[in-house]
């Protein structure tokens, strides 16, 4: 087994786990319940850890993670009414409330 990711925010670790498992790579979590020992241990030793089960899958897992994050943010759109740039998450221009064109 090889460690591929650890972080104090468990939601980030679970997100990475989803990315790796979507690539059909077996993973396991360590320190799932270690947060209760945070006062007795060095804090970073209680962080949730994501490991690949097979050492040979390490490179594939890292490639899957890199690919997921290189996809970048969603494409912006420009409002036809006021020319304001809006991220893809907006269906209505935040500046003038004009709806995004289809």
N, C-alpha and C. Protein backbone atom coordinates (compact mmCIF):
# COMPACT_ATOMS: atom_id res chain seq x y z
N UNK A 1 0.84 -1.19 0.00
CA UNK A 1 0.00 0.00 0.00
C UNK A 1 0.88 1.24 0.00
N UNK A 2 0.36 2.29 -0.67
CA UNK A 2 1.08 3.56 -0.71
C UNK A 2 0.12 4.70 -0.38
N UNK A 3 0.63 5.63 0.40
CA UNK A 3 -0.13 6.83 0.75
C UNK A 3 -0.21 7.74 -0.47
N UNK A 4 -1.43 8.17 -0.80
CA UNK A 4 -1.55 9.10 -1.93
C UNK A 4 -2.05 10.48 -1.52
N UNK A 5 -2.73 10.57 -0.36
CA UNK A 5 -3.23 11.89 0.03
C UNK A 5 -3.59 11.90 1.51
N UNK A 6 -3.30 13.00 2.16
CA UNK A 6 -3.73 13.22 3.53
C UNK A 6 -4.03 14.70 3.70
N UNK A 7 -4.99 15.00 4.55
CA UNK A 7 -5.36 16.40 4.78
C UNK A 7 -6.18 16.47 6.06
N UNK A 8 -6.15 17.63 6.70
CA UNK A 8 -6.94 17.80 7.92
C UNK A 8 -8.43 17.88 7.63
N UNK A 9 -8.80 18.27 6.41
CA UNK A 9 -10.20 18.37 6.00
C UNK A 9 -10.62 17.05 5.36
N UNK A 10 -11.43 16.28 6.07
CA UNK A 10 -11.80 14.95 5.59
C UNK A 10 -12.61 15.00 4.29
N UNK A 11 -13.35 16.08 4.05
CA UNK A 11 -14.12 16.18 2.82
C UNK A 11 -13.21 16.22 1.59
N UNK A 12 -12.05 16.85 1.71
CA UNK A 12 -11.08 16.86 0.61
C UNK A 12 -10.54 15.46 0.36
N UNK A 13 -10.28 14.73 1.43
CA UNK A 13 -9.78 13.35 1.30
C UNK A 13 -10.84 12.48 0.63
N UNK A 14 -12.10 12.62 1.04
CA UNK A 14 -13.17 11.84 0.42
C UNK A 14 -13.34 12.20 -1.05
N UNK A 15 -13.15 13.46 -1.39
CA UNK A 15 -13.23 13.88 -2.79
C UNK A 15 -12.15 13.21 -3.62
N UNK A 16 -10.93 13.20 -3.11
CA UNK A 16 -9.83 12.53 -3.81
C UNK A 16 -10.12 11.03 -3.92
N UNK A 17 -10.67 10.45 -2.86
CA UNK A 17 -11.01 9.02 -2.90
C UNK A 17 -12.02 8.74 -4.02
N UNK A 18 -13.01 9.60 -4.16
CA UNK A 18 -13.99 9.42 -5.24
C UNK A 18 -13.34 9.49 -6.61
N UNK A 19 -12.43 10.42 -6.79
CA UNK A 19 -11.73 10.56 -8.07
C UNK A 19 -10.95 9.29 -8.38
N UNK A 20 -10.21 8.80 -7.41
CA UNK A 20 -9.36 7.61 -7.61
C UNK A 20 -10.22 6.37 -7.84
N UNK A 21 -11.26 6.20 -7.05
CA UNK A 21 -12.11 5.01 -7.20
C UNK A 21 -12.91 5.06 -8.49
N UNK A 22 -13.19 6.25 -9.02
CA UNK A 22 -13.83 6.38 -10.33
C UNK A 22 -12.93 5.84 -11.43
N UNK A 23 -11.64 5.82 -11.19
CA UNK A 23 -10.67 5.25 -12.13
C UNK A 23 -10.47 3.76 -11.88
N UNK A 24 -11.35 3.16 -11.08
CA UNK A 24 -11.33 1.72 -10.78
C UNK A 24 -10.05 1.29 -10.06
N UNK A 25 -9.61 2.12 -9.12
CA UNK A 25 -8.43 1.82 -8.32
C UNK A 25 -8.88 1.65 -6.88
N UNK A 26 -8.53 0.52 -6.28
CA UNK A 26 -8.93 0.23 -4.90
C UNK A 26 -8.16 1.11 -3.92
N UNK A 27 -8.88 1.66 -2.95
CA UNK A 27 -8.27 2.52 -1.93
C UNK A 27 -8.71 2.06 -0.55
N UNK A 28 -8.00 2.54 0.44
CA UNK A 28 -8.40 2.34 1.82
C UNK A 28 -8.08 3.60 2.60
N UNK A 29 -8.83 3.83 3.66
CA UNK A 29 -8.63 5.00 4.51
C UNK A 29 -8.00 4.57 5.82
N UNK A 30 -7.10 5.39 6.32
CA UNK A 30 -6.51 5.18 7.64
C UNK A 30 -6.75 6.43 8.47
N UNK A 31 -6.76 6.25 9.78
CA UNK A 31 -6.99 7.33 10.75
C UNK A 31 -8.41 7.87 10.70
N UNK A 32 -9.36 7.06 10.28
CA UNK A 32 -10.74 7.53 10.22
C UNK A 32 -11.27 7.98 11.57
N UNK A 33 -10.81 7.34 12.63
CA UNK A 33 -11.33 7.66 13.95
C UNK A 33 -10.24 8.20 14.87
N UNK A 34 -9.14 8.67 14.30
CA UNK A 34 -8.01 9.14 15.10
C UNK A 34 -8.20 10.55 15.64
N UNK A 35 -9.18 11.27 15.15
CA UNK A 35 -9.35 12.66 15.59
C UNK A 35 -9.62 12.76 17.09
N UNK A 36 -10.13 11.70 17.68
CA UNK A 36 -10.39 11.73 19.13
C UNK A 36 -9.09 11.73 19.93
N UNK A 37 -7.97 11.38 19.29
CA UNK A 37 -6.67 11.36 19.97
C UNK A 37 -5.87 12.63 19.69
N UNK A 38 -6.50 13.63 19.13
CA UNK A 38 -5.80 14.85 18.72
C UNK A 38 -5.05 15.53 19.86
N UNK A 39 -5.51 15.44 21.06
CA UNK A 39 -4.82 16.06 22.19
C UNK A 39 -3.60 15.30 22.64
N UNK A 40 -3.57 13.99 22.36
CA UNK A 40 -2.45 13.15 22.79
C UNK A 40 -1.40 12.97 21.70
N UNK A 41 -1.78 13.17 20.46
CA UNK A 41 -0.87 12.99 19.32
C UNK A 41 -0.61 14.33 18.64
N UNK A 42 0.44 14.37 17.85
CA UNK A 42 0.70 15.54 17.02
C UNK A 42 -0.50 15.66 16.06
N UNK A 43 -1.07 16.85 15.90
CA UNK A 43 -2.30 16.98 15.11
C UNK A 43 -2.25 16.35 13.72
N UNK A 44 -1.16 16.53 12.98
CA UNK A 44 -1.13 15.98 11.62
C UNK A 44 -1.10 14.46 11.60
N UNK A 45 -0.78 13.83 12.71
CA UNK A 45 -0.80 12.37 12.77
C UNK A 45 -2.22 11.82 12.91
N UNK A 46 -3.18 12.70 13.12
CA UNK A 46 -4.58 12.27 13.23
C UNK A 46 -5.36 12.56 11.95
N UNK A 47 -4.71 13.15 10.96
CA UNK A 47 -5.40 13.46 9.71
C UNK A 47 -5.79 12.18 8.99
N UNK A 48 -6.91 12.24 8.29
CA UNK A 48 -7.36 11.13 7.48
C UNK A 48 -6.38 10.90 6.34
N UNK A 49 -6.04 9.64 6.10
CA UNK A 49 -5.08 9.29 5.04
C UNK A 49 -5.76 8.40 4.01
N UNK A 50 -5.46 8.65 2.75
CA UNK A 50 -5.96 7.83 1.65
C UNK A 50 -4.80 7.06 1.06
N UNK A 51 -4.95 5.75 0.98
CA UNK A 51 -3.91 4.86 0.48
C UNK A 51 -4.45 4.06 -0.70
N UNK A 52 -3.59 3.78 -1.69
CA UNK A 52 -3.96 2.82 -2.73
C UNK A 52 -3.58 1.44 -2.21
N UNK A 53 -4.42 0.47 -2.48
CA UNK A 53 -4.20 -0.89 -1.97
C UNK A 53 -3.00 -1.53 -2.66
N UNK A 54 -2.91 -1.39 -3.97
CA UNK A 54 -1.82 -1.98 -4.74
C UNK A 54 -0.78 -0.91 -5.08
N UNK A 55 0.48 -1.17 -4.74
CA UNK A 55 1.55 -0.21 -5.04
C UNK A 55 1.62 0.14 -6.52
N UNK A 56 1.33 -0.84 -7.37
CA UNK A 56 1.41 -0.60 -8.82
C UNK A 56 0.36 0.40 -9.31
N UNK A 57 -0.67 0.64 -8.52
CA UNK A 57 -1.72 1.59 -8.91
C UNK A 57 -1.40 3.03 -8.54
N UNK A 58 -0.27 3.25 -7.87
CA UNK A 58 0.06 4.58 -7.38
C UNK A 58 0.12 5.61 -8.51
N UNK A 59 0.85 5.30 -9.57
CA UNK A 59 0.98 6.25 -10.68
C UNK A 59 -0.36 6.51 -11.36
N UNK A 60 -1.15 5.46 -11.53
CA UNK A 60 -2.47 5.63 -12.13
C UNK A 60 -3.36 6.53 -11.27
N UNK A 61 -3.28 6.34 -9.96
CA UNK A 61 -4.06 7.16 -9.04
C UNK A 61 -3.65 8.63 -9.13
N UNK A 62 -2.36 8.88 -9.14
CA UNK A 62 -1.87 10.26 -9.22
C UNK A 62 -2.25 10.89 -10.56
N UNK A 63 -2.22 10.11 -11.63
CA UNK A 63 -2.63 10.60 -12.94
C UNK A 63 -4.12 10.96 -12.93
N UNK A 64 -4.94 10.12 -12.30
CA UNK A 64 -6.38 10.40 -12.21
C UNK A 64 -6.63 11.69 -11.46
N UNK A 65 -5.89 11.90 -10.38
CA UNK A 65 -6.04 13.13 -9.59
C UNK A 65 -5.61 14.34 -10.41
N UNK A 66 -4.44 14.25 -11.05
CA UNK A 66 -3.95 15.36 -11.87
C UNK A 66 -4.93 15.71 -12.98
N UNK A 67 -5.47 14.69 -13.64
CA UNK A 67 -6.41 14.90 -14.73
C UNK A 67 -7.67 15.60 -14.24
N UNK A 68 -8.16 15.18 -13.09
CA UNK A 68 -9.38 15.78 -12.54
C UNK A 68 -9.18 17.26 -12.24
N UNK A 69 -8.01 17.64 -11.75
CA UNK A 69 -7.78 19.03 -11.39
C UNK A 69 -7.31 19.88 -12.56
N UNK A 70 -6.83 19.26 -13.63
CA UNK A 70 -6.41 20.03 -14.80
C UNK A 70 -7.58 20.40 -15.68
N UNK A 71 -8.74 19.82 -15.42
CA UNK A 71 -9.91 20.15 -16.23
C UNK A 71 -10.31 21.60 -16.06
N UNK A 72 -9.85 22.21 -14.99
CA UNK A 72 -10.07 23.63 -14.79
C UNK A 72 -11.48 23.97 -14.37
N UNK A 73 -11.68 25.24 -14.25
CA UNK A 73 -12.99 25.72 -13.83
C UNK A 73 -13.93 25.77 -15.03
N UNK A 74 -15.22 25.79 -14.77
CA UNK A 74 -16.19 25.86 -15.86
C UNK A 74 -16.00 27.13 -16.68
N UNK A 75 -16.42 27.08 -17.90
CA UNK A 75 -16.27 28.19 -18.83
C UNK A 75 -17.17 29.36 -18.40
N UNK A 76 -16.62 30.54 -18.52
CA UNK A 76 -17.40 31.74 -18.21
C UNK A 76 -18.29 32.09 -19.39
N UNK A 77 -19.30 32.88 -19.13
CA UNK A 77 -20.13 33.43 -20.19
C UNK A 77 -20.21 34.94 -20.00
N UNK A 78 -20.43 35.64 -21.09
CA UNK A 78 -20.48 37.10 -21.07
C UNK A 78 -21.93 37.53 -21.29
N UNK A 79 -22.39 38.39 -20.42
CA UNK A 79 -23.77 38.89 -20.49
C UNK A 79 -23.94 39.74 -21.75
N UNK A 80 -25.00 39.48 -22.50
CA UNK A 80 -25.27 40.24 -23.72
C UNK A 80 -25.78 41.65 -23.42
N UNK A 81 -26.32 41.83 -22.24
CA UNK A 81 -26.89 43.13 -21.85
C UNK A 81 -25.81 44.11 -21.37
N UNK A 82 -24.96 43.65 -20.43
CA UNK A 82 -24.01 44.59 -19.81
C UNK A 82 -22.54 44.21 -20.03
N UNK A 83 -22.29 43.12 -20.75
CA UNK A 83 -20.93 42.64 -21.07
C UNK A 83 -20.14 42.19 -19.86
N UNK A 84 -20.83 41.88 -18.78
CA UNK A 84 -20.16 41.39 -17.57
C UNK A 84 -19.82 39.91 -17.73
N UNK A 85 -18.63 39.52 -17.21
CA UNK A 85 -18.25 38.10 -17.23
C UNK A 85 -18.87 37.41 -16.02
N UNK A 86 -19.42 36.22 -16.26
CA UNK A 86 -20.04 35.42 -15.21
C UNK A 86 -19.50 34.00 -15.27
N UNK A 87 -19.33 33.38 -14.12
CA UNK A 87 -18.91 31.98 -14.13
C UNK A 87 -20.08 31.11 -14.56
N UNK A 88 -19.77 29.90 -14.97
CA UNK A 88 -20.79 28.98 -15.49
C UNK A 88 -21.86 28.65 -14.45
N UNK A 89 -21.55 28.82 -13.19
CA UNK A 89 -22.53 28.49 -12.15
C UNK A 89 -23.69 29.49 -12.09
N UNK A 90 -23.54 30.65 -12.73
CA UNK A 90 -24.60 31.65 -12.74
C UNK A 90 -25.51 31.45 -13.95
N UNK A 91 -26.81 31.33 -13.71
CA UNK A 91 -27.79 31.28 -14.80
C UNK A 91 -28.31 32.67 -15.12
N UNK A 92 -28.05 33.60 -14.21
CA UNK A 92 -28.48 34.99 -14.35
C UNK A 92 -27.26 35.87 -14.09
N UNK A 93 -27.08 36.89 -14.88
CA UNK A 93 -25.95 37.81 -14.69
C UNK A 93 -26.03 38.43 -13.30
N UNK A 94 -24.92 38.38 -12.59
CA UNK A 94 -24.92 38.92 -11.23
C UNK A 94 -24.99 40.45 -11.24
N UNK A 95 -24.60 41.07 -12.34
CA UNK A 95 -24.56 42.53 -12.44
C UNK A 95 -25.93 43.12 -12.77
N UNK A 96 -26.59 42.57 -13.80
CA UNK A 96 -27.84 43.19 -14.26
C UNK A 96 -29.05 42.25 -14.22
N UNK A 97 -28.87 41.03 -13.78
CA UNK A 97 -29.92 40.03 -13.64
C UNK A 97 -30.54 39.58 -14.97
N UNK A 98 -29.80 39.72 -16.05
CA UNK A 98 -30.26 39.20 -17.34
C UNK A 98 -29.97 37.71 -17.38
N UNK A 99 -30.92 36.93 -17.90
CA UNK A 99 -30.73 35.48 -17.97
C UNK A 99 -29.66 35.12 -18.99
N UNK A 100 -28.93 34.04 -18.68
CA UNK A 100 -27.91 33.55 -19.59
C UNK A 100 -28.58 33.00 -20.85
N UNK A 101 -28.02 33.30 -22.02
CA UNK A 101 -28.59 32.74 -23.26
C UNK A 101 -28.31 31.24 -23.33
N UNK A 102 -29.17 30.52 -24.03
CA UNK A 102 -28.98 29.06 -24.15
C UNK A 102 -27.89 28.71 -25.07
